[in-house]
N, C-alpha and C. Protein backbone atom coordinates (compact mmCIF):
# COMPACT_ATOMS: atom_id res chain seq x y z
N MET A 1 31.34 12.00 -0.73
CA MET A 1 30.35 12.03 0.35
C MET A 1 29.44 10.81 0.22
N SER A 2 29.09 10.24 1.35
CA SER A 2 28.25 9.05 1.29
C SER A 2 26.88 9.32 1.90
N ALA A 3 25.91 8.51 1.45
CA ALA A 3 24.56 8.59 1.99
C ALA A 3 24.60 8.04 3.42
N THR A 4 23.98 8.75 4.34
CA THR A 4 24.07 8.37 5.75
C THR A 4 22.68 8.24 6.38
N VAL A 5 22.64 7.54 7.50
CA VAL A 5 21.40 7.32 8.24
C VAL A 5 20.80 8.67 8.63
N GLY A 6 19.50 8.78 8.42
CA GLY A 6 18.77 10.00 8.77
C GLY A 6 18.59 10.96 7.62
N GLN A 7 19.33 10.79 6.56
CA GLN A 7 19.18 11.71 5.43
C GLN A 7 18.25 11.12 4.38
N LYS A 8 17.72 11.98 3.54
CA LYS A 8 16.87 11.56 2.43
C LYS A 8 17.72 10.75 1.47
N ALA A 9 17.21 9.61 1.03
CA ALA A 9 17.94 8.75 0.10
C ALA A 9 18.03 9.42 -1.26
N PRO A 10 19.21 9.44 -1.86
CA PRO A 10 19.33 10.01 -3.21
C PRO A 10 18.46 9.23 -4.20
N ASP A 11 17.73 9.95 -5.01
CA ASP A 11 16.88 9.32 -6.02
C ASP A 11 17.74 8.79 -7.15
N PHE A 12 17.21 7.86 -7.89
CA PHE A 12 17.90 7.35 -9.08
C PHE A 12 16.86 6.82 -10.05
N GLN A 13 17.28 6.68 -11.28
CA GLN A 13 16.50 6.02 -12.32
C GLN A 13 17.46 5.06 -13.00
N LEU A 14 17.25 3.76 -12.80
CA LEU A 14 18.15 2.75 -13.32
C LEU A 14 17.35 1.66 -14.04
N PRO A 15 17.90 1.12 -15.13
CA PRO A 15 17.23 0.00 -15.79
C PRO A 15 17.44 -1.30 -15.02
N ASP A 16 16.39 -2.12 -14.99
CA ASP A 16 16.54 -3.44 -14.37
C ASP A 16 17.00 -4.45 -15.42
N GLN A 17 17.08 -5.71 -15.02
CA GLN A 17 17.57 -6.76 -15.90
C GLN A 17 16.68 -6.96 -17.13
N ASP A 18 15.44 -6.46 -17.08
CA ASP A 18 14.53 -6.57 -18.22
C ASP A 18 14.41 -5.26 -18.99
N LYS A 19 15.28 -4.32 -18.67
CA LYS A 19 15.37 -3.01 -19.33
C LYS A 19 14.20 -2.07 -18.98
N ASN A 20 13.52 -2.34 -17.85
CA ASN A 20 12.50 -1.43 -17.33
C ASN A 20 13.19 -0.45 -16.39
N VAL A 21 12.86 0.82 -16.50
CA VAL A 21 13.48 1.83 -15.66
C VAL A 21 12.79 1.87 -14.29
N VAL A 22 13.61 1.80 -13.24
CA VAL A 22 13.13 1.85 -11.86
C VAL A 22 13.59 3.16 -11.25
N SER A 23 12.65 3.88 -10.66
CA SER A 23 12.95 5.14 -9.99
C SER A 23 12.68 4.98 -8.50
N LEU A 24 13.65 5.35 -7.67
CA LEU A 24 13.46 5.25 -6.23
C LEU A 24 12.27 6.09 -5.77
N SER A 25 12.14 7.29 -6.30
CA SER A 25 11.06 8.18 -5.86
C SER A 25 9.67 7.60 -6.16
N ALA A 26 9.55 6.78 -7.18
CA ALA A 26 8.27 6.15 -7.51
C ALA A 26 7.90 5.04 -6.53
N LEU A 27 8.84 4.64 -5.68
CA LEU A 27 8.62 3.55 -4.73
C LEU A 27 8.25 4.05 -3.33
N LYS A 28 8.03 5.36 -3.20
CA LYS A 28 7.67 5.92 -1.90
C LYS A 28 6.44 5.20 -1.36
N GLY A 29 6.43 4.94 -0.05
CA GLY A 29 5.34 4.20 0.56
C GLY A 29 5.68 2.73 0.77
N LYS A 30 6.89 2.35 0.38
CA LYS A 30 7.37 0.98 0.57
C LYS A 30 8.76 1.06 1.17
N ASN A 31 9.08 0.15 2.07
CA ASN A 31 10.45 0.06 2.56
C ASN A 31 11.31 -0.52 1.45
N ILE A 32 12.53 -0.03 1.33
CA ILE A 32 13.43 -0.43 0.24
C ILE A 32 14.75 -0.89 0.83
N ILE A 33 15.28 -1.96 0.26
CA ILE A 33 16.63 -2.42 0.59
C ILE A 33 17.45 -2.35 -0.69
N LEU A 34 18.53 -1.60 -0.63
CA LEU A 34 19.47 -1.52 -1.75
C LEU A 34 20.72 -2.28 -1.38
N LEU A 35 21.07 -3.26 -2.19
CA LEU A 35 22.28 -4.05 -1.99
C LEU A 35 23.21 -3.80 -3.19
N PHE A 36 24.14 -2.89 -3.00
CA PHE A 36 25.13 -2.63 -4.05
C PHE A 36 26.18 -3.73 -3.99
N PHE A 37 26.56 -4.25 -5.15
CA PHE A 37 27.58 -5.30 -5.19
C PHE A 37 28.54 -5.05 -6.35
N PRO A 38 29.81 -5.46 -6.19
CA PRO A 38 30.82 -5.13 -7.21
C PRO A 38 30.58 -5.72 -8.59
N ALA A 39 30.32 -7.02 -8.68
CA ALA A 39 30.24 -7.61 -10.02
C ALA A 39 29.48 -8.93 -10.01
N ALA A 40 28.62 -9.08 -11.00
CA ALA A 40 27.90 -10.35 -11.18
C ALA A 40 28.90 -11.47 -11.43
N PHE A 41 28.51 -12.65 -11.04
CA PHE A 41 29.27 -13.88 -11.28
C PHE A 41 30.55 -14.00 -10.45
N THR A 42 30.72 -13.16 -9.44
CA THR A 42 31.87 -13.31 -8.55
C THR A 42 31.40 -14.01 -7.28
N SER A 43 32.32 -14.63 -6.56
CA SER A 43 31.93 -15.54 -5.48
C SER A 43 31.17 -14.87 -4.34
N THR A 44 31.71 -13.81 -3.76
CA THR A 44 31.04 -13.19 -2.61
C THR A 44 29.72 -12.55 -3.04
N CYS A 45 29.70 -11.95 -4.21
CA CYS A 45 28.47 -11.33 -4.70
C CYS A 45 27.39 -12.38 -4.91
N THR A 46 27.76 -13.50 -5.47
CA THR A 46 26.79 -14.57 -5.70
C THR A 46 26.28 -15.12 -4.37
N LYS A 47 27.16 -15.30 -3.41
CA LYS A 47 26.74 -15.77 -2.08
C LYS A 47 25.74 -14.77 -1.47
N GLU A 48 26.03 -13.48 -1.57
CA GLU A 48 25.16 -12.44 -1.01
C GLU A 48 23.79 -12.44 -1.70
N MET A 49 23.79 -12.48 -3.02
CA MET A 49 22.53 -12.43 -3.76
C MET A 49 21.71 -13.70 -3.52
N CYS A 50 22.36 -14.85 -3.42
CA CYS A 50 21.63 -16.11 -3.17
C CYS A 50 21.08 -16.16 -1.75
N GLN A 51 21.80 -15.62 -0.78
CA GLN A 51 21.26 -15.54 0.58
C GLN A 51 20.03 -14.65 0.59
N THR A 52 20.10 -13.54 -0.11
CA THR A 52 18.95 -12.63 -0.20
C THR A 52 17.77 -13.35 -0.83
N ARG A 53 18.01 -14.09 -1.91
CA ARG A 53 16.97 -14.88 -2.56
C ARG A 53 16.32 -15.83 -1.55
N ASP A 54 17.15 -16.53 -0.79
CA ASP A 54 16.65 -17.53 0.14
C ASP A 54 15.89 -16.93 1.32
N GLU A 55 16.13 -15.66 1.62
CA GLU A 55 15.48 -15.00 2.75
C GLU A 55 14.45 -13.96 2.31
N LEU A 56 14.08 -13.99 1.03
CA LEU A 56 13.19 -12.96 0.51
C LEU A 56 11.83 -12.94 1.22
N SER A 57 11.35 -14.07 1.70
CA SER A 57 10.06 -14.08 2.38
C SER A 57 10.08 -13.19 3.63
N PHE A 58 11.23 -13.13 4.31
CA PHE A 58 11.34 -12.24 5.46
C PHE A 58 11.16 -10.79 5.01
N TYR A 59 11.86 -10.39 3.95
CA TYR A 59 11.79 -9.01 3.47
C TYR A 59 10.38 -8.68 2.98
N ASN A 60 9.77 -9.62 2.28
CA ASN A 60 8.39 -9.40 1.82
C ASN A 60 7.46 -9.22 3.01
N GLY A 61 7.68 -9.99 4.08
CA GLY A 61 6.88 -9.87 5.29
C GLY A 61 7.05 -8.53 6.00
N MET A 62 8.16 -7.84 5.72
CA MET A 62 8.42 -6.52 6.29
C MET A 62 7.98 -5.41 5.34
N ASP A 63 7.23 -5.79 4.29
CA ASP A 63 6.78 -4.83 3.28
C ASP A 63 7.97 -4.09 2.67
N ALA A 64 9.01 -4.86 2.36
CA ALA A 64 10.23 -4.28 1.80
C ALA A 64 10.50 -4.83 0.40
N GLN A 65 10.91 -3.95 -0.48
CA GLN A 65 11.32 -4.34 -1.83
C GLN A 65 12.85 -4.33 -1.87
N VAL A 66 13.43 -5.44 -2.30
CA VAL A 66 14.88 -5.59 -2.39
C VAL A 66 15.33 -5.33 -3.82
N PHE A 67 16.45 -4.63 -3.95
CA PHE A 67 17.10 -4.44 -5.25
C PHE A 67 18.59 -4.72 -5.10
N GLY A 68 19.13 -5.51 -5.99
CA GLY A 68 20.58 -5.64 -6.13
C GLY A 68 21.02 -4.64 -7.18
N ILE A 69 22.14 -3.96 -6.95
CA ILE A 69 22.62 -2.94 -7.89
C ILE A 69 24.11 -3.13 -8.14
N SER A 70 24.47 -3.18 -9.41
CA SER A 70 25.89 -3.22 -9.79
C SER A 70 26.07 -2.39 -11.06
N VAL A 71 27.31 -2.24 -11.47
CA VAL A 71 27.59 -1.48 -12.70
C VAL A 71 27.56 -2.38 -13.93
N ASP A 72 27.19 -3.64 -13.76
CA ASP A 72 27.04 -4.55 -14.90
C ASP A 72 25.91 -4.07 -15.81
N MET A 73 26.01 -4.44 -17.08
CA MET A 73 24.95 -4.09 -18.04
C MET A 73 23.69 -4.90 -17.75
N PRO A 74 22.51 -4.40 -18.14
CA PRO A 74 21.27 -5.14 -17.91
C PRO A 74 21.29 -6.55 -18.50
N PHE A 75 21.95 -6.74 -19.61
CA PHE A 75 22.01 -8.06 -20.26
C PHE A 75 22.78 -9.06 -19.38
N THR A 76 23.87 -8.59 -18.78
CA THR A 76 24.65 -9.43 -17.87
C THR A 76 23.82 -9.76 -16.64
N LEU A 77 23.12 -8.75 -16.11
CA LEU A 77 22.30 -8.97 -14.91
C LEU A 77 21.15 -9.93 -15.19
N ALA A 78 20.59 -9.90 -16.39
CA ALA A 78 19.52 -10.84 -16.74
C ALA A 78 20.04 -12.28 -16.71
N LYS A 79 21.21 -12.51 -17.24
CA LYS A 79 21.81 -13.85 -17.24
C LYS A 79 22.16 -14.27 -15.81
N TYR A 80 22.72 -13.36 -15.05
CA TYR A 80 23.08 -13.63 -13.66
C TYR A 80 21.84 -13.99 -12.83
N LYS A 81 20.77 -13.22 -13.02
CA LYS A 81 19.53 -13.47 -12.29
C LYS A 81 18.97 -14.83 -12.66
N ALA A 82 18.94 -15.16 -13.93
CA ALA A 82 18.42 -16.45 -14.39
C ALA A 82 19.28 -17.61 -13.87
N ASP A 83 20.58 -17.48 -14.00
CA ASP A 83 21.48 -18.57 -13.59
C ASP A 83 21.37 -18.87 -12.10
N ASN A 84 21.09 -17.84 -11.30
CA ASN A 84 21.03 -18.02 -9.84
C ASN A 84 19.60 -18.03 -9.30
N GLN A 85 18.64 -18.03 -10.20
CA GLN A 85 17.21 -18.06 -9.83
C GLN A 85 16.89 -17.00 -8.79
N LEU A 86 17.38 -15.79 -9.02
CA LEU A 86 17.13 -14.69 -8.10
C LEU A 86 15.69 -14.22 -8.26
N ASN A 87 15.04 -13.91 -7.17
CA ASN A 87 13.61 -13.58 -7.16
C ASN A 87 13.34 -12.12 -6.79
N PHE A 88 14.28 -11.27 -7.12
CA PHE A 88 14.15 -9.83 -6.88
C PHE A 88 14.89 -9.11 -8.02
N PRO A 89 14.55 -7.85 -8.28
CA PRO A 89 15.16 -7.15 -9.41
C PRO A 89 16.63 -6.79 -9.18
N LEU A 90 17.36 -6.80 -10.28
CA LEU A 90 18.74 -6.33 -10.31
C LEU A 90 18.78 -5.09 -11.18
N LEU A 91 19.43 -4.04 -10.68
CA LEU A 91 19.48 -2.77 -11.40
C LEU A 91 20.89 -2.50 -11.91
N SER A 92 20.95 -1.95 -13.11
CA SER A 92 22.23 -1.62 -13.72
C SER A 92 22.56 -0.15 -13.51
N ASP A 93 23.64 0.09 -12.80
CA ASP A 93 24.15 1.45 -12.61
C ASP A 93 25.38 1.63 -13.50
N PHE A 94 25.23 1.25 -14.75
CA PHE A 94 26.34 1.26 -15.71
C PHE A 94 27.01 2.64 -15.77
N ASN A 95 26.22 3.70 -15.66
CA ASN A 95 26.77 5.06 -15.74
C ASN A 95 27.31 5.56 -14.41
N LYS A 96 27.19 4.74 -13.36
CA LYS A 96 27.78 5.02 -12.04
C LYS A 96 27.13 6.19 -11.30
N ASP A 97 25.91 6.54 -11.67
CA ASP A 97 25.22 7.65 -11.01
C ASP A 97 24.84 7.32 -9.57
N ALA A 98 24.27 6.14 -9.35
CA ALA A 98 23.82 5.77 -7.99
C ALA A 98 25.00 5.52 -7.07
N ILE A 99 26.02 4.80 -7.54
CA ILE A 99 27.16 4.53 -6.65
C ILE A 99 27.89 5.81 -6.29
N THR A 100 27.83 6.79 -7.16
CA THR A 100 28.42 8.10 -6.85
C THR A 100 27.55 8.83 -5.82
N ALA A 101 26.24 8.84 -6.03
CA ALA A 101 25.32 9.54 -5.13
C ALA A 101 25.32 8.92 -3.73
N TYR A 102 25.47 7.61 -3.65
CA TYR A 102 25.45 6.92 -2.36
C TYR A 102 26.85 6.81 -1.73
N GLY A 103 27.87 7.27 -2.44
CA GLY A 103 29.23 7.27 -1.89
C GLY A 103 29.81 5.88 -1.75
N CYS A 104 29.45 4.99 -2.64
CA CYS A 104 29.94 3.61 -2.54
C CYS A 104 30.60 3.17 -3.85
N LYS A 105 31.52 3.98 -4.32
CA LYS A 105 32.22 3.70 -5.58
C LYS A 105 33.71 3.54 -5.32
N TYR A 106 34.25 2.42 -5.82
CA TYR A 106 35.70 2.26 -5.80
C TYR A 106 36.28 3.12 -6.91
N ASP A 107 37.21 4.00 -6.57
CA ASP A 107 37.92 4.73 -7.62
C ASP A 107 38.85 3.78 -8.35
N ASN A 108 39.47 2.87 -7.62
CA ASN A 108 40.32 1.83 -8.21
C ASN A 108 39.99 0.51 -7.53
N TRP A 109 39.66 -0.49 -8.33
CA TRP A 109 39.34 -1.82 -7.82
C TRP A 109 40.41 -2.78 -8.31
N ILE A 110 40.13 -4.03 -8.39
CA ILE A 110 41.12 -5.01 -8.85
C ILE A 110 41.38 -4.86 -10.35
N LEU A 111 42.54 -5.30 -10.78
CA LEU A 111 42.91 -5.32 -12.19
C LEU A 111 42.85 -3.95 -12.85
N GLY A 112 42.94 -2.89 -12.05
CA GLY A 112 42.89 -1.54 -12.60
C GLY A 112 41.50 -1.08 -12.99
N LEU A 113 40.46 -1.82 -12.62
CA LEU A 113 39.09 -1.41 -12.94
C LEU A 113 38.70 -0.23 -12.06
N LYS A 114 38.04 0.72 -12.65
CA LYS A 114 37.64 1.94 -11.95
C LYS A 114 36.12 2.07 -11.95
N GLY A 115 35.58 2.65 -10.87
CA GLY A 115 34.15 2.95 -10.82
C GLY A 115 33.27 1.73 -10.61
N VAL A 116 33.70 0.81 -9.77
CA VAL A 116 32.90 -0.37 -9.44
C VAL A 116 32.24 -0.12 -8.09
N ALA A 117 31.06 -0.70 -7.89
CA ALA A 117 30.32 -0.52 -6.63
C ALA A 117 31.04 -1.20 -5.48
N LYS A 118 31.14 -0.50 -4.37
CA LYS A 118 31.57 -1.14 -3.12
C LYS A 118 30.37 -1.94 -2.59
N ARG A 119 30.65 -3.06 -1.95
CA ARG A 119 29.56 -3.83 -1.34
C ARG A 119 28.94 -2.95 -0.26
N SER A 120 27.69 -2.60 -0.44
CA SER A 120 27.02 -1.64 0.44
C SER A 120 25.56 -2.02 0.60
N SER A 121 25.00 -1.67 1.75
CA SER A 121 23.61 -1.98 2.05
C SER A 121 22.93 -0.74 2.62
N PHE A 122 21.73 -0.50 2.16
CA PHE A 122 20.94 0.63 2.66
C PHE A 122 19.50 0.17 2.86
N VAL A 123 18.92 0.55 3.99
CA VAL A 123 17.49 0.36 4.23
C VAL A 123 16.88 1.76 4.20
N ILE A 124 15.86 1.90 3.37
CA ILE A 124 15.18 3.19 3.18
C ILE A 124 13.73 3.01 3.59
N ASP A 125 13.24 3.90 4.46
CA ASP A 125 11.87 3.76 4.94
C ASP A 125 10.85 4.26 3.91
N LYS A 126 9.58 4.15 4.27
CA LYS A 126 8.49 4.48 3.35
C LYS A 126 8.45 5.95 2.96
N GLU A 127 9.13 6.79 3.74
CA GLU A 127 9.19 8.22 3.45
C GLU A 127 10.45 8.60 2.66
N GLY A 128 11.29 7.62 2.38
CA GLY A 128 12.49 7.89 1.59
C GLY A 128 13.71 8.28 2.42
N VAL A 129 13.68 7.98 3.72
CA VAL A 129 14.79 8.32 4.62
C VAL A 129 15.63 7.07 4.88
N ILE A 130 16.93 7.22 4.85
CA ILE A 130 17.85 6.10 5.09
C ILE A 130 17.82 5.75 6.57
N ARG A 131 17.57 4.47 6.88
CA ARG A 131 17.49 4.00 8.26
C ARG A 131 18.62 3.05 8.63
N PHE A 132 19.34 2.56 7.63
CA PHE A 132 20.50 1.69 7.84
C PHE A 132 21.43 1.93 6.66
N ALA A 133 22.73 2.04 6.95
CA ALA A 133 23.71 2.23 5.89
C ALA A 133 25.00 1.52 6.28
N GLN A 134 25.52 0.74 5.35
CA GLN A 134 26.81 0.07 5.55
C GLN A 134 27.55 0.07 4.22
N ILE A 135 28.73 0.65 4.22
CA ILE A 135 29.59 0.66 3.03
C ILE A 135 30.88 -0.05 3.41
N LEU A 136 31.14 -1.17 2.76
CA LEU A 136 32.32 -1.98 3.07
C LEU A 136 33.47 -1.61 2.14
N GLU A 137 34.64 -1.46 2.70
CA GLU A 137 35.82 -1.12 1.88
C GLU A 137 36.42 -2.33 1.19
N ASN A 138 36.31 -3.49 1.83
CA ASN A 138 36.89 -4.71 1.29
C ASN A 138 35.79 -5.50 0.57
N ALA A 139 35.96 -5.76 -0.72
CA ALA A 139 34.93 -6.43 -1.52
C ALA A 139 34.63 -7.84 -1.06
N SER A 140 35.55 -8.46 -0.32
CA SER A 140 35.29 -9.82 0.15
C SER A 140 34.57 -9.84 1.50
N ASP A 141 34.38 -8.68 2.12
CA ASP A 141 33.60 -8.62 3.36
C ASP A 141 32.13 -8.83 3.03
N TYR A 142 31.38 -9.25 4.05
CA TYR A 142 29.99 -9.64 3.85
C TYR A 142 29.05 -8.67 4.54
N PRO A 143 27.91 -8.37 3.94
CA PRO A 143 26.98 -7.41 4.55
C PRO A 143 26.46 -7.86 5.91
N ASP A 144 26.04 -6.90 6.70
CA ASP A 144 25.46 -7.14 8.01
C ASP A 144 23.96 -7.38 7.84
N PHE A 145 23.60 -8.60 7.44
CA PHE A 145 22.19 -8.90 7.21
C PHE A 145 21.37 -8.79 8.49
N GLU A 146 21.97 -9.09 9.64
CA GLU A 146 21.24 -8.94 10.90
C GLU A 146 20.91 -7.47 11.16
N GLY A 147 21.85 -6.58 10.85
CA GLY A 147 21.60 -5.15 10.99
C GLY A 147 20.49 -4.67 10.06
N ILE A 148 20.49 -5.20 8.85
CA ILE A 148 19.43 -4.86 7.88
C ILE A 148 18.08 -5.30 8.43
N LYS A 149 18.02 -6.52 8.95
CA LYS A 149 16.75 -7.06 9.47
C LYS A 149 16.27 -6.27 10.69
N LYS A 150 17.21 -5.91 11.57
CA LYS A 150 16.84 -5.12 12.76
C LYS A 150 16.30 -3.75 12.35
N ALA A 151 16.92 -3.13 11.35
CA ALA A 151 16.45 -1.83 10.87
C ALA A 151 15.03 -1.95 10.32
N LEU A 152 14.76 -3.03 9.59
CA LEU A 152 13.41 -3.23 9.05
C LEU A 152 12.39 -3.48 10.16
N GLU A 153 12.77 -4.28 11.13
CA GLU A 153 11.87 -4.58 12.25
C GLU A 153 11.53 -3.31 13.03
N ALA A 154 12.47 -2.38 13.12
CA ALA A 154 12.22 -1.12 13.81
C ALA A 154 11.22 -0.23 13.07
N LEU A 155 11.00 -0.51 11.80
CA LEU A 155 10.07 0.28 10.98
C LEU A 155 8.64 -0.22 11.06
N LYS A 156 8.44 -1.35 11.73
CA LYS A 156 7.08 -1.92 11.82
C LYS A 156 6.17 -1.06 12.67
């Protein structure tokens, strides 16, 4: 089952790249963008995260906090964030709790890898309700950033 527009966003507690635990429920009162991505250091994921970095002022202007989420370990995400000069937190869903709750988990990915995040985007409003959801089946497909921006603009 996947998280869908209009429903309460599943809560999570995940460590960021600096090993600080982030809880979705503690962020109530702020718009949230969750960008699930398959793996750090891969081409499409890096393009997506760098575009987000370059457009962060728009999200900040919409009173939105952006998080990138993958099943990579916090140590890997710290290196990835530094190498790409990312200006938003990356969360480690190493135990696959969030990708399971949001319905964006590959049971089988490339090279026989199991339990990797599907490229997915969610906009969550200040009350914790999902206002935009996109789960892509093909890891090389690119998120609908215009849809994300329109969803945020509708929350103003």
